[in-house]
Amino acid sequence: MAILPILVAPHPVLKQTARPVAAVDRRVATLMRDMLETMYDANGIGLAAPQVGVSERIIVVDVHEKDEAPAPLMMANPEIIAESPDLKVYEEGCLSVPEHYAEVTRPSSVTVRYLDETGAVRELQADGTLAVCVQHEIDHLNGVLFVDHLSSLKRSMILRKLQKQQRQKAPA
C-alpha cells in the first residue's frame, strides 16, 4: 500500500467529471486500499479518486468514532438513488481545501448504490455524518467541491487564500 499525494484546490483535476470504472479489478482494488491509507494518514473521513489525481468514480469513507473500530467503505461508481426530503446543515471541510470549513446544507439521508472492493453491487442507507461524507465525496466525482455550495463571495475568499498558500509554498 502507498500514501498518495492529495491535490489542493484549485487544481484542474478537481473540477473534472470523473469517468466510470469498467470493473473492480486488481488495479482498482489496490487504488482503493491506497486511498484508504492516504485518507487515514491525513486524518480524513473520506477521499475521492480525483483528489489523488485519478479521474475515476471511486471513493473511500470511514466515519467511525475514535473509540470504535475502523469501518471503511470502498465504493466504485457510487450513485445516489434516493435522498430524504429533509435537509440538514453540517460544517464541512476537505482534504483538498485544507484548513477551511463552512456550513453546507444537504439531504439528511441518502441511499447509495455502488460496487464494493470485490466488484459486488451493494446498496447503503446512510444518514448523519456518513450521509454527508458520501454526498461530499460523490460531489468530487462530479467536479464539485464543498466550497461550490457556498456564496460566490465566500468561495472566492477561500480559493484566493489557497492560491496564495500554493504560491508561497512553490519553489522560487
C-alpha atoms as a PDB file:
ATOM      1  CA  MET A   1       0.000   0.000   0.000  1.00  0.00           C
ATOM      2  CA  ALA A   2       1.062   3.570  -0.587  1.00  0.00           C
ATOM      3  CA  ILE A   3       0.285   7.054   0.621  1.00  0.00           C
ATOM      4  CA  LEU A   4      -0.696   9.160  -2.381  1.00  0.00           C
ATOM      5  CA  PRO A   5      -0.272  12.937  -2.794  1.00  0.00           C
ATOM      6  CA  ILE A   6      -3.520  14.857  -2.260  1.00  0.00           C
ATOM      7  CA  LEU A   7      -4.301  17.600  -4.783  1.00  0.00           C
ATOM      8  CA  VAL A   8      -5.273  21.006  -3.415  1.00  0.00           C
ATOM      9  CA  ALA A   9      -7.817  23.375  -4.984  1.00  0.00           C
ATOM     10  CA  PRO A  10      -7.815  24.973  -7.467  1.00  0.00           C
ATOM     11  CA  HIS A  11      -6.089  22.024  -9.214  1.00  0.00           C
ATOM     12  CA  PRO A  12      -7.898  21.432 -12.557  1.00  0.00           C
ATOM     13  CA  VAL A  13      -8.417  17.668 -11.980  1.00  0.00           C
ATOM     14  CA  LEU A  14     -10.679  18.545  -9.032  1.00  0.00           C
ATOM     15  CA  LYS A  15     -13.106  20.292 -11.408  1.00  0.00           C
ATOM     16  CA  GLN A  16     -13.406  17.409 -13.913  1.00  0.00           C
ATOM     17  CA  THR A  17     -16.234  14.897 -14.042  1.00  0.00           C
ATOM     18  CA  ALA A  18     -14.668  11.512 -13.273  1.00  0.00           C
ATOM     19  CA  ARG A  19     -15.229   8.594 -15.637  1.00  0.00           C
ATOM     20  CA  PRO A  20     -16.948   5.374 -14.517  1.00  0.00           C
ATOM     21  CA  VAL A  21     -14.895   2.334 -13.556  1.00  0.00           C
ATOM     22  CA  ALA A  22     -15.395  -0.504 -16.076  1.00  0.00           C
ATOM     23  CA  ALA A  23     -14.798  -3.197 -13.440  1.00  0.00           C
ATOM     24  CA  VAL A  24     -13.302  -3.531  -9.997  1.00  0.00           C
ATOM     25  CA  ASP A  25     -10.103  -5.345 -10.902  1.00  0.00           C
ATOM     26  CA  ARG A  26      -6.792  -5.678  -9.051  1.00  0.00           C
ATOM     27  CA  ARG A  27      -5.698  -2.155 -10.067  1.00  0.00           C
ATOM     28  CA  VAL A  28      -8.923  -0.555  -8.783  1.00  0.00           C
ATOM     29  CA  ALA A  29      -8.875  -2.588  -5.541  1.00  0.00           C
ATOM     30  CA  THR A  30      -5.244  -1.551  -4.947  1.00  0.00           C
ATOM     31  CA  LEU A  31      -6.122   2.089  -5.613  1.00  0.00           C
ATOM     32  CA  MET A  32      -8.991   1.815  -3.111  1.00  0.00           C
ATOM     33  CA  ARG A  33      -6.657   0.456  -0.417  1.00  0.00           C
ATOM     34  CA  ASP A  34      -4.050   3.141  -1.189  1.00  0.00           C
ATOM     35  CA  MET A  35      -6.756   5.805  -0.972  1.00  0.00           C
ATOM     36  CA  LEU A  36      -7.848   4.477   2.430  1.00  0.00           C
ATOM     37  CA  GLU A  37      -4.271   4.546   3.705  1.00  0.00           C
ATOM     38  CA  THR A  38      -3.865   8.091   2.342  1.00  0.00           C
ATOM     39  CA  MET A  39      -7.146   9.207   3.967  1.00  0.00           C
ATOM     40  CA  TYR A  40      -6.196   7.737   7.352  1.00  0.00           C
ATOM     41  CA  ASP A  41      -2.715   9.284   7.127  1.00  0.00           C
ATOM     42  CA  ALA A  42      -4.314  12.710   6.508  1.00  0.00           C
ATOM     43  CA  ASN A  43      -6.843  12.239   9.349  1.00  0.00           C
ATOM     44  CA  GLY A  44      -9.730  12.429   6.894  1.00  0.00           C
ATOM     45  CA  ILE A  45     -13.080  10.637   6.838  1.00  0.00           C
ATOM     46  CA  GLY A  46     -13.486  10.497   3.064  1.00  0.00           C
ATOM     47  CA  LEU A  47     -11.431  10.672  -0.116  1.00  0.00           C
ATOM     48  CA  ALA A  48     -12.325  10.617  -3.814  1.00  0.00           C
ATOM     49  CA  ALA A  49     -10.013   9.394  -6.571  1.00  0.00           C
ATOM     50  CA  PRO A  50      -9.815  12.829  -8.260  1.00  0.00           C
ATOM     51  CA  GLN A  51      -8.275  14.153  -5.039  1.00  0.00           C
ATOM     52  CA  VAL A  52      -5.281  11.879  -5.673  1.00  0.00           C
ATOM     53  CA  GLY A  53      -5.137  12.748  -9.373  1.00  0.00           C
ATOM     54  CA  VAL A  54      -7.162   9.801 -10.705  1.00  0.00           C
ATOM     55  CA  SER A  55     -10.249  10.925 -12.620  1.00  0.00           C
ATOM     56  CA  GLU A  56     -12.294   7.784 -11.931  1.00  0.00           C
ATOM     57  CA  ARG A  57     -15.524   7.288  -9.970  1.00  0.00           C
ATOM     58  CA  ILE A  58     -14.004   5.801  -6.795  1.00  0.00           C
ATOM     59  CA  ILE A  59     -14.468   6.957  -3.199  1.00  0.00           C
ATOM     60  CA  VAL A  60     -13.498   5.677   0.229  1.00  0.00           C
ATOM     61  CA  VAL A  61     -15.063   6.716   3.541  1.00  0.00           C
ATOM     62  CA  ASP A  62     -14.753   5.830   7.194  1.00  0.00           C
ATOM     63  CA  VAL A  63     -16.679   7.847   9.763  1.00  0.00           C
ATOM     64  CA  HIS A  64     -16.009   5.644  12.803  1.00  0.00           C
ATOM     65  CA  GLU A  65     -15.646   7.399  16.147  1.00  0.00           C
ATOM     66  CA  LYS A  66     -12.243   7.466  17.862  1.00  0.00           C
ATOM     67  CA  ASP A  67     -13.277   4.789  20.368  1.00  0.00           C
ATOM     68  CA  GLU A  68     -14.701   2.478  17.664  1.00  0.00           C
ATOM     69  CA  ALA A  69     -13.046   0.021  15.301  1.00  0.00           C
ATOM     70  CA  PRO A  70     -12.417   1.296  11.748  1.00  0.00           C
ATOM     71  CA  ALA A  71     -15.387   0.804   9.411  1.00  0.00           C
ATOM     72  CA  PRO A  72     -14.047   1.555   5.927  1.00  0.00           C
ATOM     73  CA  LEU A  73     -16.289   1.622   2.870  1.00  0.00           C
ATOM     74  CA  MET A  74     -14.759   1.434  -0.609  1.00  0.00           C
ATOM     75  CA  MET A  75     -17.049   2.366  -3.492  1.00  0.00           C
ATOM     76  CA  ALA A  76     -16.704   2.347  -7.258  1.00  0.00           C
ATOM     77  CA  ASN A  77     -19.318   4.097  -9.393  1.00  0.00           C
ATOM     78  CA  PRO A  78     -21.376   5.266  -6.390  1.00  0.00           C
ATOM     79  CA  GLU A  79     -24.709   6.814  -7.270  1.00  0.00           C
ATOM     80  CA  ILE A  80     -27.357   8.308  -5.051  1.00  0.00           C
ATOM     81  CA  ILE A  81     -30.601   6.504  -5.852  1.00  0.00           C
ATOM     82  CA  ALA A  82     -32.743   8.135  -3.155  1.00  0.00           C
ATOM     83  CA  GLU A  83     -32.454  11.084  -0.818  1.00  0.00           C
ATOM     84  CA  SER A  84     -34.603  12.317   2.011  1.00  0.00           C
ATOM     85  CA  PRO A  85     -36.628  15.492   1.561  1.00  0.00           C
ATOM     86  CA  ASP A  86     -35.340  16.567   4.988  1.00  0.00           C
ATOM     87  CA  LEU A  87     -32.296  18.823   4.832  1.00  0.00           C
ATOM     88  CA  LYS A  88     -29.622  19.313   7.441  1.00  0.00           C
ATOM     89  CA  VAL A  89     -26.782  21.808   7.816  1.00  0.00           C
ATOM     90  CA  TYR A  90     -23.334  20.376   8.546  1.00  0.00           C
ATOM     91  CA  GLU A  91     -19.944  22.000   8.910  1.00  0.00           C
ATOM     92  CA  GLU A  92     -17.727  20.515   6.217  1.00  0.00           C
ATOM     93  CA  GLY A  93     -14.042  20.551   5.488  1.00  0.00           C
ATOM     94  CA  CYS A  94     -11.986  18.880   2.775  1.00  0.00           C
ATOM     95  CA  LEU A  95      -8.501  17.450   2.387  1.00  0.00           C
ATOM     96  CA  SER A  96      -8.270  19.337  -0.938  1.00  0.00           C
ATOM     97  CA  VAL A  97      -9.334  22.607   0.729  1.00  0.00           C
ATOM     98  CA  PRO A  98      -7.099  22.397   3.800  1.00  0.00           C
ATOM     99  CA  GLU A  99      -7.857  24.381   6.949  1.00  0.00           C
ATOM    100  CA  HIS A 100     -11.141  25.795   5.634  1.00  0.00           C
ATOM    101  CA  TYR A 101     -14.586  24.867   6.932  1.00  0.00           C
ATOM    102  CA  ALA A 102     -18.101  26.050   6.168  1.00  0.00           C
ATOM    103  CA  GLU A 103     -21.701  25.063   6.697  1.00  0.00           C
ATOM    104  CA  VAL A 104     -23.317  23.176   3.804  1.00  0.00           C
ATOM    105  CA  THR A 105     -26.961  22.112   3.517  1.00  0.00           C
ATOM    106  CA  ARG A 106     -27.576  18.583   2.206  1.00  0.00           C
ATOM    107  CA  PRO A 107     -30.270  15.888   2.390  1.00  0.00           C
ATOM    108  CA  SER A 108     -30.132  14.325   5.856  1.00  0.00           C
ATOM    109  CA  SER A 109     -30.136  10.766   4.477  1.00  0.00           C
ATOM    110  CA  VAL A 110     -29.367   9.063   1.163  1.00  0.00           C
ATOM    111  CA  THR A 111     -29.408   5.614  -0.391  1.00  0.00           C
ATOM    112  CA  VAL A 112     -26.351   4.828  -2.496  1.00  0.00           C
ATOM    113  CA  ARG A 113     -25.744   2.003  -4.988  1.00  0.00           C
ATOM    114  CA  TYR A 114     -22.116   1.115  -5.728  1.00  0.00           C
ATOM    115  CA  LEU A 115     -19.611  -1.634  -6.477  1.00  0.00           C
ATOM    116  CA  ASP A 116     -17.571  -2.701  -3.442  1.00  0.00           C
ATOM    117  CA  GLU A 117     -13.884  -3.669  -3.446  1.00  0.00           C
ATOM    118  CA  THR A 118     -14.792  -7.168  -4.726  1.00  0.00           C
ATOM    119  CA  GLY A 119     -16.964  -5.828  -7.573  1.00  0.00           C
ATOM    120  CA  ALA A 120     -20.240  -6.817  -5.882  1.00  0.00           C
ATOM    121  CA  VAL A 121     -23.210  -4.462  -6.250  1.00  0.00           C
ATOM    122  CA  ARG A 122     -24.207  -3.010  -2.880  1.00  0.00           C
ATOM    123  CA  GLU A 123     -26.736  -0.551  -1.541  1.00  0.00           C
ATOM    124  CA  LEU A 124     -26.177   1.598   1.520  1.00  0.00           C
ATOM    125  CA  GLN A 125     -28.706   3.587   3.518  1.00  0.00           C
ATOM    126  CA  ALA A 126     -26.755   6.428   5.116  1.00  0.00           C
ATOM    127  CA  ASP A 127     -27.691   9.215   7.484  1.00  0.00           C
ATOM    128  CA  GLY A 128     -25.850  11.639   9.743  1.00  0.00           C
ATOM    129  CA  THR A 129     -22.125  12.050   9.184  1.00  0.00           C
ATOM    130  CA  LEU A 130     -21.976   9.071   6.809  1.00  0.00           C
ATOM    131  CA  ALA A 131     -24.626  10.620   4.540  1.00  0.00           C
ATOM    132  CA  VAL A 132     -22.763  13.941   4.495  1.00  0.00           C
ATOM    133  CA  CYS A 133     -19.436  12.256   3.771  1.00  0.00           C
ATOM    134  CA  VAL A 134     -20.798  10.103   0.934  1.00  0.00           C
ATOM    135  CA  GLN A 135     -22.529  13.101  -0.685  1.00  0.00           C
ATOM    136  CA  HIS A 136     -19.371  15.220  -0.307  1.00  0.00           C
ATOM    137  CA  GLU A 137     -17.214  12.539  -1.958  1.00  0.00           C
ATOM    138  CA  ILE A 138     -19.704  11.907  -4.783  1.00  0.00           C
ATOM    139  CA  ASP A 139     -19.648  15.665  -5.414  1.00  0.00           C
ATOM    140  CA  HIS A 140     -15.881  15.308  -6.026  1.00  0.00           C
ATOM    141  CA  LEU A 141     -16.634  12.750  -8.754  1.00  0.00           C
ATOM    142  CA  ASN A 142     -18.760  15.399 -10.462  1.00  0.00           C
ATOM    143  CA  GLY A 143     -16.105  18.114 -10.216  1.00  0.00           C
ATOM    144  CA  VAL A 144     -17.847  19.832  -7.293  1.00  0.00           C
ATOM    145  CA  LEU A 145     -16.050  20.996  -4.139  1.00  0.00           C
ATOM    146  CA  PHE A 146     -17.876  21.821  -0.922  1.00  0.00           C
ATOM    147  CA  VAL A 147     -16.987  25.488  -1.489  1.00  0.00           C
ATOM    148  CA  ASP A 148     -19.144  25.363  -4.641  1.00  0.00           C
ATOM    149  CA  HIS A 149     -22.151  25.146  -2.298  1.00  0.00           C
ATOM    150  CA  LEU A 150     -21.210  28.496  -0.698  1.00  0.00           C
ATOM    151  CA  SER A 151     -21.894  32.059  -1.799  1.00  0.00           C
ATOM    152  CA  SER A 152     -19.609  33.266  -4.570  1.00  0.00           C
ATOM    153  CA  LEU A 153     -18.026  35.755  -2.162  1.00  0.00           C
ATOM    154  CA  LYS A 154     -17.167  33.112   0.448  1.00  0.00           C
ATOM    155  CA  ARG A 155     -15.953  30.669  -2.220  1.00  0.00           C
ATOM    156  CA  SER A 156     -13.731  33.335  -3.826  1.00  0.00           C
ATOM    157  CA  MET A 157     -12.187  34.280  -0.488  1.00  0.00           C
ATOM    158  CA  ILE A 158     -11.307  30.650   0.315  1.00  0.00           C
ATOM    159  CA  LEU A 159      -9.918  29.906  -3.154  1.00  0.00           C
ATOM    160  CA  ARG A 160      -7.810  33.094  -3.161  1.00  0.00           C
ATOM    161  CA  LYS A 161      -6.301  32.101   0.201  1.00  0.00           C
ATOM    162  CA  LEU A 162      -5.489  28.630  -1.152  1.00  0.00           C
ATOM    163  CA  GLN A 163      -3.862  30.080  -4.271  1.00  0.00           C
ATOM    164  CA  LYS A 164      -1.769  32.415  -2.111  1.00  0.00           C
ATOM    165  CA  GLN A 165      -0.675  29.485   0.087  1.00  0.00           C
ATOM    166  CA  GLN A 166       0.273  27.482  -3.029  1.00  0.00           C
ATOM    167  CA  ARG A 167       2.356  30.377  -4.402  1.00  0.00           C
ATOM    168  CA  GLN A 168       4.149  30.743  -1.054  1.00  0.00           C
ATOM    169  CA  LYS A 169       4.959  27.004  -0.999  1.00  0.00           C
ATOM    170  CA  ALA A 170       6.194  26.932  -4.608  1.00  0.00           C
ATOM    171  CA  PRO A 171       9.993  26.783  -5.013  1.00  0.00           C
ATOM    172  CA  ALA A 172      11.466  30.071  -6.215  1.00  0.00           C
END
